């Protein structure tokens, strides 16, 4: 059976928004989280799937921007939804795409570690939205625990890949405070992470 995956959209010509240079964002459908202020609810709706694509079909759609990617050091950023659960798709796409393209991923890391291990060797940048490192806050906001997130953060750090990670730490109205953000940063810095993006959700 062909490796087809559900997508909610493909967005071209994103400049320095989802990685270096000009990028195309390929957004998968589906997510293990049920965030109270979901920034992309289309990824959870049954009618949110725009199309099913194989890695080759996705490549056929995005190769039009090959020159932009090469000229600017850009490439493809996988988002969603939770793209990491489609690790085999991403792995196959990497094997057939132009090797000079950078492959980035926007992820919550709340997936079994085998998915992260599969894609880690070729991901240029992990853009990680950790919500909050306090498990009570995390579970209250997402509906599940952050145990797997912590395990995957430890894996990436121990593998020496923490330098490829941008950690997004949001201030979530009614869920966490600046003190909570500082706590999260201390925990992450103990793991070796140094590249943080703090921002506030607009709800």
N, C-alpha and C. Protein backbone atom coordinates (compact mmCIF):
# COMPACT_ATOMS: atom_id res chain seq x y z
N UNK A 1 0.85 -1.19 0.00
CA UNK A 1 0.00 0.00 0.00
C UNK A 1 0.89 1.25 0.00
N UNK A 2 0.50 2.22 -0.81
CA UNK A 2 1.28 3.44 -0.88
C UNK A 2 1.18 4.22 0.43
N UNK A 3 2.27 4.92 0.74
CA UNK A 3 2.35 5.69 1.97
C UNK A 3 1.66 7.04 1.77
N UNK A 4 0.34 7.05 1.90
CA UNK A 4 -0.42 8.29 1.74
C UNK A 4 -0.71 8.90 3.10
N UNK A 5 -0.66 10.20 3.18
CA UNK A 5 -0.92 10.90 4.44
C UNK A 5 -1.92 12.02 4.20
N UNK A 6 -2.72 12.36 5.22
CA UNK A 6 -3.71 13.43 5.08
C UNK A 6 -3.08 14.80 5.34
N UNK A 7 -3.41 15.76 4.48
CA UNK A 7 -2.89 17.12 4.62
C UNK A 7 -4.03 18.12 4.71
N UNK A 8 -3.80 19.16 5.50
CA UNK A 8 -4.79 20.23 5.59
C UNK A 8 -4.39 21.43 4.74
N UNK A 9 -3.16 21.43 4.24
CA UNK A 9 -2.76 22.53 3.38
C UNK A 9 -1.27 22.57 3.11
N UNK A 10 -0.93 23.28 2.04
CA UNK A 10 0.47 23.52 1.66
C UNK A 10 0.61 25.00 1.40
N UNK A 11 1.52 25.65 2.11
CA UNK A 11 1.69 27.10 2.01
C UNK A 11 3.09 27.43 1.51
N UNK A 12 3.17 28.11 0.37
CA UNK A 12 4.46 28.40 -0.27
C UNK A 12 4.99 29.77 0.13
N UNK A 13 6.28 29.97 -0.18
CA UNK A 13 6.95 31.27 -0.10
C UNK A 13 6.87 31.89 1.28
N UNK A 14 7.12 31.11 2.29
CA UNK A 14 7.18 31.61 3.66
C UNK A 14 8.64 31.98 3.94
N UNK A 15 8.89 33.24 4.18
CA UNK A 15 10.26 33.73 4.29
C UNK A 15 10.64 33.91 5.76
N UNK A 16 11.62 33.11 6.19
CA UNK A 16 12.17 33.18 7.55
C UNK A 16 11.08 33.06 8.62
N UNK A 17 10.04 32.27 8.35
CA UNK A 17 8.97 32.07 9.33
C UNK A 17 8.99 30.66 9.91
N UNK A 18 9.38 29.71 9.11
CA UNK A 18 9.36 28.30 9.53
C UNK A 18 10.71 27.66 9.27
N UNK A 19 11.77 28.39 9.56
CA UNK A 19 13.10 27.91 9.25
C UNK A 19 13.82 28.93 8.39
N UNK A 20 15.02 28.61 7.99
CA UNK A 20 15.85 29.54 7.22
C UNK A 20 15.34 29.69 5.79
N UNK A 21 15.58 30.87 5.22
CA UNK A 21 15.29 31.10 3.81
C UNK A 21 13.82 30.98 3.46
N UNK A 22 13.58 30.70 2.17
CA UNK A 22 12.21 30.49 1.69
C UNK A 22 11.81 29.05 1.98
N UNK A 23 10.67 28.88 2.64
CA UNK A 23 10.20 27.54 2.97
C UNK A 23 8.78 27.34 2.46
N UNK A 24 8.44 26.08 2.29
CA UNK A 24 7.06 25.67 2.05
C UNK A 24 6.61 24.87 3.26
N UNK A 25 5.46 25.27 3.82
CA UNK A 25 4.90 24.56 4.97
C UNK A 25 3.92 23.52 4.47
N UNK A 26 4.19 22.26 4.80
CA UNK A 26 3.28 21.15 4.48
C UNK A 26 2.65 20.68 5.78
N UNK A 27 1.34 20.91 5.92
CA UNK A 27 0.67 20.70 7.20
C UNK A 27 -0.18 19.43 7.18
N UNK A 28 0.16 18.51 8.07
CA UNK A 28 -0.58 17.25 8.21
C UNK A 28 -1.86 17.44 9.02
N UNK A 29 -2.82 16.58 8.76
CA UNK A 29 -4.03 16.50 9.57
C UNK A 29 -3.79 15.57 10.75
N UNK A 30 -4.42 15.87 11.89
CA UNK A 30 -4.35 14.99 13.05
C UNK A 30 -3.37 15.47 14.10
N UNK A 31 -3.78 15.32 15.39
CA UNK A 31 -2.93 15.75 16.49
C UNK A 31 -3.33 15.00 17.75
N UNK A 32 -2.36 14.58 18.58
CA UNK A 32 -2.71 13.89 19.82
C UNK A 32 -3.19 14.82 20.92
N UNK A 33 -2.95 16.14 20.74
CA UNK A 33 -3.33 17.11 21.77
C UNK A 33 -4.72 17.66 21.50
N UNK A 34 -5.34 18.13 22.57
CA UNK A 34 -6.63 18.80 22.47
C UNK A 34 -6.52 20.13 23.22
N UNK A 35 -5.72 21.02 22.66
CA UNK A 35 -5.41 22.28 23.32
C UNK A 35 -6.65 23.16 23.41
N UNK A 36 -6.79 23.85 24.54
CA UNK A 36 -7.96 24.69 24.76
C UNK A 36 -8.04 25.83 23.74
N UNK A 37 -6.89 26.39 23.39
CA UNK A 37 -6.86 27.44 22.37
C UNK A 37 -6.12 26.91 21.15
N UNK A 38 -6.66 25.90 20.51
CA UNK A 38 -5.99 25.30 19.36
C UNK A 38 -5.79 26.34 18.27
N UNK A 39 -4.54 26.48 17.83
CA UNK A 39 -4.22 27.49 16.82
C UNK A 39 -4.58 27.03 15.41
N UNK A 40 -4.86 25.76 15.25
CA UNK A 40 -5.16 25.23 13.92
C UNK A 40 -6.22 24.13 14.03
N UNK A 41 -7.45 24.49 14.40
CA UNK A 41 -8.50 23.48 14.65
C UNK A 41 -8.86 22.64 13.43
N UNK A 42 -8.51 23.12 12.24
CA UNK A 42 -8.79 22.35 11.03
C UNK A 42 -8.11 20.98 11.08
N UNK A 43 -7.00 20.90 11.81
CA UNK A 43 -6.24 19.65 11.86
C UNK A 43 -6.96 18.57 12.66
N UNK A 44 -8.02 18.95 13.38
CA UNK A 44 -8.76 17.99 14.18
C UNK A 44 -10.12 17.64 13.59
N UNK A 45 -10.63 18.47 12.71
CA UNK A 45 -11.96 18.24 12.15
C UNK A 45 -11.91 17.16 11.07
N UNK A 46 -12.91 16.31 11.06
CA UNK A 46 -12.97 15.24 10.05
C UNK A 46 -13.03 15.83 8.65
N UNK A 47 -13.67 16.98 8.50
CA UNK A 47 -13.77 17.60 7.19
C UNK A 47 -12.59 18.55 6.90
N UNK A 48 -11.57 18.48 7.77
CA UNK A 48 -10.43 19.38 7.60
C UNK A 48 -9.39 18.89 6.62
N UNK A 49 -9.50 17.64 6.19
CA UNK A 49 -8.51 17.08 5.27
C UNK A 49 -8.73 17.64 3.87
N UNK A 50 -7.70 18.28 3.34
CA UNK A 50 -7.79 18.85 1.99
C UNK A 50 -7.48 17.80 0.93
N UNK A 51 -6.46 16.95 1.23
CA UNK A 51 -6.07 15.93 0.26
C UNK A 51 -5.17 14.91 0.93
N UNK A 52 -5.11 13.73 0.32
CA UNK A 52 -4.17 12.68 0.70
C UNK A 52 -3.06 12.65 -0.34
N UNK A 53 -1.82 12.58 0.12
CA UNK A 53 -0.68 12.60 -0.79
C UNK A 53 0.33 11.54 -0.41
N UNK A 54 1.00 10.99 -1.42
CA UNK A 54 2.18 10.17 -1.19
C UNK A 54 3.38 11.11 -1.12
N UNK A 55 4.52 10.65 -0.62
CA UNK A 55 5.72 11.50 -0.64
C UNK A 55 6.05 12.00 -2.05
N UNK A 56 5.89 11.14 -3.06
CA UNK A 56 6.18 11.56 -4.43
C UNK A 56 5.20 12.64 -4.90
N UNK A 57 3.94 12.48 -4.53
CA UNK A 57 2.94 13.49 -4.93
C UNK A 57 3.21 14.82 -4.25
N UNK A 58 3.64 14.77 -3.00
CA UNK A 58 4.01 16.03 -2.32
C UNK A 58 5.22 16.65 -3.01
N UNK A 59 6.20 15.83 -3.32
CA UNK A 59 7.39 16.35 -4.01
C UNK A 59 7.01 17.01 -5.33
N UNK A 60 6.10 16.40 -6.07
CA UNK A 60 5.67 16.96 -7.35
C UNK A 60 5.05 18.34 -7.17
N UNK A 61 4.42 18.57 -6.01
CA UNK A 61 3.77 19.86 -5.76
C UNK A 61 4.78 20.93 -5.33
N UNK A 62 5.80 20.54 -4.58
CA UNK A 62 6.70 21.55 -4.00
C UNK A 62 7.96 21.79 -4.80
N UNK A 63 8.27 20.91 -5.74
CA UNK A 63 9.52 21.03 -6.49
C UNK A 63 9.55 22.29 -7.34
N UNK A 64 8.40 22.89 -7.57
CA UNK A 64 8.33 24.13 -8.34
C UNK A 64 9.19 25.23 -7.71
N UNK A 65 9.43 25.13 -6.41
CA UNK A 65 10.22 26.15 -5.71
C UNK A 65 11.65 25.72 -5.43
N UNK A 66 12.11 24.73 -6.15
CA UNK A 66 13.47 24.22 -5.95
C UNK A 66 14.53 25.33 -6.02
N UNK A 67 14.43 26.23 -6.99
CA UNK A 67 15.43 27.29 -7.13
C UNK A 67 15.40 28.25 -5.95
N UNK A 68 14.20 28.54 -5.44
CA UNK A 68 14.10 29.40 -4.26
C UNK A 68 14.77 28.74 -3.06
N UNK A 69 14.51 27.45 -2.89
CA UNK A 69 15.10 26.74 -1.75
C UNK A 69 16.62 26.76 -1.85
N UNK A 70 17.14 26.48 -3.05
CA UNK A 70 18.59 26.42 -3.22
C UNK A 70 19.24 27.79 -3.03
N UNK A 71 18.57 28.84 -3.56
CA UNK A 71 19.16 30.18 -3.51
C UNK A 71 19.16 30.77 -2.11
N UNK A 72 18.20 30.37 -1.28
CA UNK A 72 18.07 31.00 0.04
C UNK A 72 18.43 30.08 1.20
N UNK A 73 18.77 28.82 0.90
CA UNK A 73 19.05 27.87 1.97
C UNK A 73 17.80 27.42 2.67
N UNK A 74 16.67 27.43 1.96
CA UNK A 74 15.39 27.04 2.54
C UNK A 74 15.05 25.59 2.26
N UNK A 75 13.75 25.31 2.32
CA UNK A 75 13.32 23.94 2.09
C UNK A 75 11.90 23.73 2.56
N UNK A 76 11.64 22.55 3.09
CA UNK A 76 10.30 22.14 3.49
C UNK A 76 10.21 22.09 5.01
N UNK A 77 9.14 22.67 5.54
CA UNK A 77 8.84 22.55 6.96
C UNK A 77 7.55 21.76 7.10
N UNK A 78 7.60 20.69 7.85
CA UNK A 78 6.41 19.88 8.10
C UNK A 78 5.75 20.38 9.39
N UNK A 79 4.44 20.65 9.29
CA UNK A 79 3.69 21.12 10.44
C UNK A 79 2.36 20.41 10.52
N UNK A 80 1.41 21.03 11.17
CA UNK A 80 0.09 20.39 11.30
C UNK A 80 -0.78 21.15 12.27
N UNK A 81 -1.49 20.39 13.09
CA UNK A 81 -1.35 18.99 13.39
C UNK A 81 0.01 18.61 13.97
N UNK A 82 0.17 17.31 14.10
CA UNK A 82 1.44 16.77 14.60
C UNK A 82 2.13 15.98 13.52
N UNK A 83 3.14 16.58 12.86
CA UNK A 83 3.82 15.91 11.76
C UNK A 83 4.70 14.74 12.18
N UNK A 84 5.22 14.74 13.40
CA UNK A 84 6.18 13.70 13.79
C UNK A 84 5.57 12.31 13.77
N UNK A 85 4.25 12.21 13.93
CA UNK A 85 3.65 10.88 13.89
C UNK A 85 3.62 10.31 12.48
N UNK A 86 3.96 11.15 11.49
CA UNK A 86 4.08 10.70 10.10
C UNK A 86 5.55 10.55 9.73
N UNK A 87 6.33 10.01 10.65
CA UNK A 87 7.79 9.96 10.47
C UNK A 87 8.20 9.14 9.25
N UNK A 88 7.49 8.06 8.97
CA UNK A 88 7.87 7.25 7.79
C UNK A 88 7.63 8.01 6.50
N UNK A 89 6.56 8.78 6.45
CA UNK A 89 6.29 9.62 5.28
C UNK A 89 7.42 10.64 5.10
N UNK A 90 7.79 11.31 6.20
CA UNK A 90 8.84 12.32 6.13
C UNK A 90 10.17 11.70 5.73
N UNK A 91 10.45 10.52 6.26
CA UNK A 91 11.68 9.81 5.91
C UNK A 91 11.72 9.48 4.43
N UNK A 92 10.60 9.01 3.88
CA UNK A 92 10.56 8.68 2.46
C UNK A 92 10.69 9.94 1.61
N UNK A 93 10.02 11.01 2.04
CA UNK A 93 10.13 12.28 1.31
C UNK A 93 11.58 12.75 1.26
N UNK A 94 12.26 12.67 2.39
CA UNK A 94 13.66 13.08 2.43
C UNK A 94 14.51 12.27 1.44
N UNK A 95 14.19 11.00 1.31
CA UNK A 95 15.01 10.12 0.46
C UNK A 95 14.87 10.43 -1.01
N UNK A 96 13.78 11.10 -1.42
CA UNK A 96 13.56 11.39 -2.84
C UNK A 96 13.67 12.87 -3.17
N UNK A 97 13.77 13.73 -2.15
CA UNK A 97 13.83 15.17 -2.41
C UNK A 97 15.27 15.61 -2.65
N UNK A 98 15.44 16.81 -3.14
CA UNK A 98 16.76 17.38 -3.37
C UNK A 98 17.52 17.41 -2.04
N UNK A 99 18.67 16.78 -1.95
CA UNK A 99 19.38 16.69 -0.67
C UNK A 99 19.85 18.03 -0.13
N UNK A 100 19.87 19.08 -0.94
CA UNK A 100 20.29 20.38 -0.42
C UNK A 100 19.14 21.10 0.28
N UNK A 101 17.92 20.64 0.07
CA UNK A 101 16.80 21.26 0.78
C UNK A 101 16.91 20.99 2.28
N UNK A 102 16.63 21.99 3.08
CA UNK A 102 16.55 21.77 4.52
C UNK A 102 15.16 21.24 4.85
N UNK A 103 15.12 20.26 5.75
CA UNK A 103 13.86 19.71 6.23
C UNK A 103 13.70 20.10 7.70
N UNK A 104 12.64 20.86 7.98
CA UNK A 104 12.35 21.30 9.34
C UNK A 104 11.04 20.67 9.80
N UNK A 105 10.81 20.71 11.11
CA UNK A 105 9.56 20.16 11.62
C UNK A 105 9.07 21.02 12.79
N UNK A 106 7.78 21.34 12.77
CA UNK A 106 7.12 22.04 13.88
C UNK A 106 6.35 20.98 14.66
N UNK A 107 6.74 20.74 15.89
CA UNK A 107 6.23 19.57 16.61
C UNK A 107 6.01 19.88 18.09
N UNK A 108 5.09 19.13 18.69
CA UNK A 108 4.91 19.18 20.14
C UNK A 108 5.82 18.16 20.83
N UNK A 109 6.42 17.26 20.06
CA UNK A 109 7.23 16.14 20.57
C UNK A 109 6.41 15.13 21.37
N UNK A 110 5.09 15.25 21.36
CA UNK A 110 4.28 14.31 22.14
C UNK A 110 3.90 13.11 21.27
N UNK A 111 4.93 12.37 20.87
CA UNK A 111 4.79 11.16 20.05
C UNK A 111 5.77 10.13 20.57
N UNK A 112 5.55 8.84 20.29
CA UNK A 112 6.52 7.83 20.70
C UNK A 112 7.92 8.15 20.18
N UNK A 113 8.93 7.85 20.98
CA UNK A 113 10.30 8.24 20.66
C UNK A 113 10.79 7.66 19.34
N UNK A 114 10.27 6.51 18.95
CA UNK A 114 10.73 5.90 17.69
C UNK A 114 10.53 6.85 16.51
N UNK A 115 9.49 7.69 16.55
CA UNK A 115 9.26 8.64 15.47
C UNK A 115 10.38 9.69 15.42
N UNK A 116 10.77 10.18 16.58
CA UNK A 116 11.83 11.19 16.64
C UNK A 116 13.16 10.58 16.23
N UNK A 117 13.42 9.36 16.66
CA UNK A 117 14.66 8.69 16.28
C UNK A 117 14.75 8.50 14.76
N UNK A 118 13.62 8.24 14.13
CA UNK A 118 13.61 7.98 12.69
C UNK A 118 13.97 9.23 11.88
N UNK A 119 13.49 10.37 12.31
CA UNK A 119 13.70 11.58 11.51
C UNK A 119 14.87 12.44 11.99
N UNK A 120 15.33 12.20 13.21
CA UNK A 120 16.37 13.07 13.80
C UNK A 120 17.62 13.22 12.94
N UNK A 121 18.10 12.16 12.26
CA UNK A 121 19.35 12.30 11.52
C UNK A 121 19.33 13.36 10.41
N UNK A 122 18.15 13.68 9.88
CA UNK A 122 18.13 14.59 8.73
C UNK A 122 17.33 15.88 8.97
N UNK A 123 16.77 16.06 10.15
CA UNK A 123 16.02 17.29 10.42
C UNK A 123 17.01 18.42 10.68
N UNK A 124 16.86 19.50 9.93
CA UNK A 124 17.74 20.66 10.10
C UNK A 124 17.37 21.44 11.36
N UNK A 125 16.07 21.66 11.56
CA UNK A 125 15.63 22.37 12.76
C UNK A 125 14.33 21.78 13.30
N UNK A 126 14.34 21.50 14.59
CA UNK A 126 13.13 21.14 15.31
C UNK A 126 12.57 22.42 15.93
N UNK A 127 11.36 22.78 15.54
CA UNK A 127 10.68 23.94 16.12
C UNK A 127 9.63 23.35 17.06
N UNK A 128 9.91 23.44 18.36
CA UNK A 128 9.16 22.66 19.36
C UNK A 128 8.31 23.57 20.24
N UNK A 129 7.01 23.33 20.23
CA UNK A 129 6.09 24.05 21.10
C UNK A 129 5.83 23.18 22.33
N UNK A 130 6.50 23.50 23.42
CA UNK A 130 6.42 22.64 24.60
C UNK A 130 5.25 23.00 25.52
N UNK A 131 4.50 24.07 25.18
CA UNK A 131 3.40 24.57 26.01
C UNK A 131 3.93 25.00 27.38
N UNK A 132 4.16 24.06 28.29
CA UNK A 132 4.71 24.37 29.60
C UNK A 132 5.33 23.10 30.16
N UNK A 133 6.44 23.23 30.87
CA UNK A 133 7.11 22.05 31.40
C UNK A 133 6.46 21.52 32.68
N UNK A 134 5.59 22.32 33.29
CA UNK A 134 4.83 21.85 34.45
C UNK A 134 3.75 20.89 33.96
N UNK A 135 3.82 19.64 34.40
CA UNK A 135 2.90 18.64 33.88
C UNK A 135 1.44 18.96 34.18
N UNK A 136 1.17 19.54 35.35
CA UNK A 136 -0.21 19.88 35.69
C UNK A 136 -0.77 20.93 34.74
N UNK A 137 0.03 21.95 34.44
CA UNK A 137 -0.40 22.98 33.50
C UNK A 137 -0.57 22.38 32.12
N UNK A 138 0.42 21.58 31.72
CA UNK A 138 0.38 20.97 30.39
C UNK A 138 -0.87 20.12 30.22
N UNK A 139 -1.14 19.27 31.20
CA UNK A 139 -2.30 18.37 31.08
C UNK A 139 -3.61 19.15 31.11
N UNK A 140 -3.67 20.18 31.93
CA UNK A 140 -4.87 21.00 31.99
C UNK A 140 -5.16 21.67 30.65
N UNK A 141 -4.08 22.05 29.94
CA UNK A 141 -4.24 22.76 28.67
C UNK A 141 -4.44 21.83 27.49
N UNK A 142 -3.73 20.70 27.47
CA UNK A 142 -3.74 19.83 26.29
C UNK A 142 -4.61 18.59 26.43
N UNK A 143 -4.90 18.21 27.67
CA UNK A 143 -5.69 17.01 27.90
C UNK A 143 -4.87 15.75 28.14
N UNK A 144 -3.55 15.81 27.92
CA UNK A 144 -2.67 14.67 28.16
C UNK A 144 -1.40 15.14 28.87
N UNK A 145 -0.61 14.18 29.34
CA UNK A 145 0.60 14.53 30.09
C UNK A 145 1.75 14.89 29.14
N UNK A 146 2.79 15.48 29.72
CA UNK A 146 3.99 15.82 28.92
C UNK A 146 5.13 14.83 29.15
N UNK A 147 4.81 13.64 29.66
CA UNK A 147 5.84 12.64 29.93
C UNK A 147 6.64 12.31 28.67
N UNK A 148 5.94 12.12 27.56
CA UNK A 148 6.63 11.78 26.31
C UNK A 148 7.42 12.96 25.77
N UNK A 149 6.92 14.16 25.99
CA UNK A 149 7.65 15.36 25.57
C UNK A 149 9.00 15.42 26.28
N UNK A 150 8.98 15.24 27.59
CA UNK A 150 10.22 15.28 28.37
C UNK A 150 11.20 14.20 27.90
N UNK A 151 10.68 12.99 27.66
CA UNK A 151 11.55 11.90 27.21
C UNK A 151 12.20 12.23 25.88
N UNK A 152 11.44 12.82 24.96
CA UNK A 152 11.99 13.15 23.65
C UNK A 152 12.96 14.33 23.73
N UNK A 153 12.70 15.28 24.62
CA UNK A 153 13.66 16.36 24.84
C UNK A 153 14.97 15.82 25.38
N UNK A 154 14.89 14.87 26.31
CA UNK A 154 16.10 14.24 26.85
C UNK A 154 16.84 13.48 25.74
N UNK A 155 16.08 12.78 24.90
CA UNK A 155 16.72 12.03 23.81
C UNK A 155 17.48 12.98 22.87
N UNK A 156 16.83 14.06 22.45
CA UNK A 156 17.48 14.99 21.53
C UNK A 156 18.72 15.62 22.16
N UNK A 157 18.63 15.93 23.44
CA UNK A 157 19.77 16.52 24.12
C UNK A 157 20.93 15.54 24.22
N UNK A 158 20.63 14.32 24.63
CA UNK A 158 21.68 13.31 24.80
C UNK A 158 22.30 12.92 23.45
N UNK A 159 21.52 13.07 22.37
CA UNK A 159 22.04 12.77 21.04
C UNK A 159 22.83 13.94 20.46
N UNK A 160 22.93 15.04 21.23
CA UNK A 160 23.67 16.20 20.77
C UNK A 160 22.93 17.04 19.75
N UNK A 161 21.61 16.88 19.70
CA UNK A 161 20.81 17.58 18.70
C UNK A 161 20.09 18.80 19.27
N UNK A 162 20.37 19.15 20.53
CA UNK A 162 19.70 20.30 21.14
C UNK A 162 20.02 21.60 20.43
N UNK A 163 21.17 21.66 19.75
CA UNK A 163 21.54 22.88 19.04
C UNK A 163 20.70 23.07 17.78
N UNK A 164 19.98 22.04 17.37
CA UNK A 164 19.09 22.16 16.21
C UNK A 164 17.66 22.50 16.61
N UNK A 165 17.45 22.81 17.89
CA UNK A 165 16.09 22.99 18.40
C UNK A 165 15.80 24.43 18.78
N UNK A 166 14.68 24.93 18.30
CA UNK A 166 14.11 26.19 18.77
C UNK A 166 12.92 25.83 19.63
N UNK A 167 12.95 26.25 20.89
CA UNK A 167 11.88 25.90 21.83
C UNK A 167 10.93 27.09 21.97
N UNK A 168 9.69 26.88 21.58
CA UNK A 168 8.68 27.92 21.72
C UNK A 168 7.97 27.74 23.06
N UNK A 169 7.96 28.80 23.85
CA UNK A 169 7.35 28.75 25.18
C UNK A 169 6.28 29.84 25.24
N UNK A 170 5.03 29.47 25.10
CA UNK A 170 3.97 30.48 25.07
C UNK A 170 3.47 30.86 26.46
N UNK A 171 3.05 32.11 26.58
CA UNK A 171 2.26 32.50 27.74
C UNK A 171 0.81 32.27 27.34
N UNK A 172 0.15 31.39 28.07
CA UNK A 172 -1.20 30.96 27.71
C UNK A 172 -2.18 31.58 28.71
N UNK A 173 -2.99 32.52 28.29
CA UNK A 173 -3.92 33.18 29.22
C UNK A 173 -4.75 32.17 30.02
N UNK A 174 -4.79 32.39 31.33
CA UNK A 174 -5.57 31.56 32.26
C UNK A 174 -4.94 30.19 32.53
N UNK A 175 -3.74 29.94 31.98
CA UNK A 175 -3.10 28.64 32.20
C UNK A 175 -1.70 28.76 32.80
N UNK A 176 -0.89 29.70 32.33
CA UNK A 176 0.44 29.85 32.92
C UNK A 176 0.83 31.32 33.04
N UNK A 177 1.91 31.57 33.75
CA UNK A 177 2.36 32.93 34.03
C UNK A 177 3.82 33.07 33.59
N UNK A 178 4.35 34.28 33.72
CA UNK A 178 5.75 34.49 33.39
C UNK A 178 6.65 33.67 34.31
N UNK A 179 6.25 33.51 35.56
CA UNK A 179 7.03 32.67 36.48
C UNK A 179 7.06 31.22 35.99
N UNK A 180 5.94 30.75 35.46
CA UNK A 180 5.90 29.38 34.91
C UNK A 180 6.82 29.26 33.71
N UNK A 181 6.85 30.30 32.88
CA UNK A 181 7.74 30.30 31.71
C UNK A 181 9.20 30.24 32.15
N UNK A 182 9.54 31.02 33.16
CA UNK A 182 10.92 31.01 33.66
C UNK A 182 11.27 29.64 34.23
N UNK A 183 10.32 29.00 34.91
CA UNK A 183 10.54 27.63 35.40
C UNK A 183 10.81 26.69 34.24
N UNK A 184 9.99 26.78 33.19
CA UNK A 184 10.19 25.92 32.01
C UNK A 184 11.57 26.13 31.42
N UNK A 185 12.00 27.39 31.32
CA UNK A 185 13.31 27.68 30.74
C UNK A 185 14.43 27.09 31.60
N UNK A 186 14.29 27.16 32.91
CA UNK A 186 15.33 26.58 33.78
C UNK A 186 15.45 25.08 33.56
N UNK A 187 14.32 24.40 33.47
CA UNK A 187 14.34 22.96 33.23
C UNK A 187 15.00 22.65 31.89
N UNK A 188 14.64 23.41 30.88
CA UNK A 188 15.17 23.18 29.53
C UNK A 188 16.66 23.50 29.46
N UNK A 189 17.08 24.55 30.13
CA UNK A 189 18.50 24.91 30.12
C UNK A 189 19.33 23.83 30.82
N UNK A 190 18.76 23.19 31.83
CA UNK A 190 19.47 22.09 32.48
C UNK A 190 19.68 20.93 31.52
N UNK A 191 18.81 20.81 30.52
CA UNK A 191 18.96 19.77 29.50
C UNK A 191 19.92 20.20 28.39
N UNK A 192 20.30 21.48 28.38
CA UNK A 192 21.23 21.97 27.37
C UNK A 192 20.62 22.87 26.33
N UNK A 193 19.32 23.14 26.42
CA UNK A 193 18.66 23.97 25.42
C UNK A 193 18.88 25.45 25.72
N UNK A 194 19.11 26.23 24.66
CA UNK A 194 19.42 27.65 24.84
C UNK A 194 18.64 28.56 23.91
N UNK A 195 18.01 28.00 22.87
CA UNK A 195 17.34 28.82 21.87
C UNK A 195 15.84 28.83 22.14
N UNK A 196 15.33 29.95 22.67
CA UNK A 196 13.93 30.04 23.09
C UNK A 196 13.19 31.13 22.34
N UNK A 197 11.92 30.90 22.13
CA UNK A 197 11.03 31.90 21.54
C UNK A 197 9.84 32.04 22.47
N UNK A 198 9.81 33.14 23.23
CA UNK A 198 8.68 33.40 24.12
C UNK A 198 7.66 34.27 23.39
N UNK A 199 6.39 33.93 23.56
CA UNK A 199 5.33 34.72 22.93
C UNK A 199 4.05 34.50 23.70
N UNK A 200 3.05 35.30 23.37
CA UNK A 200 1.76 35.18 24.07
C UNK A 200 0.68 34.79 23.09
N UNK A 201 -0.11 33.79 23.48
CA UNK A 201 -1.25 33.41 22.66
C UNK A 201 -2.27 34.54 22.64
N UNK A 202 -2.79 34.86 21.46
CA UNK A 202 -3.88 35.82 21.32
C UNK A 202 -5.17 35.03 21.25
N UNK A 203 -6.01 35.18 22.25
CA UNK A 203 -7.25 34.39 22.32
C UNK A 203 -8.48 35.29 22.31
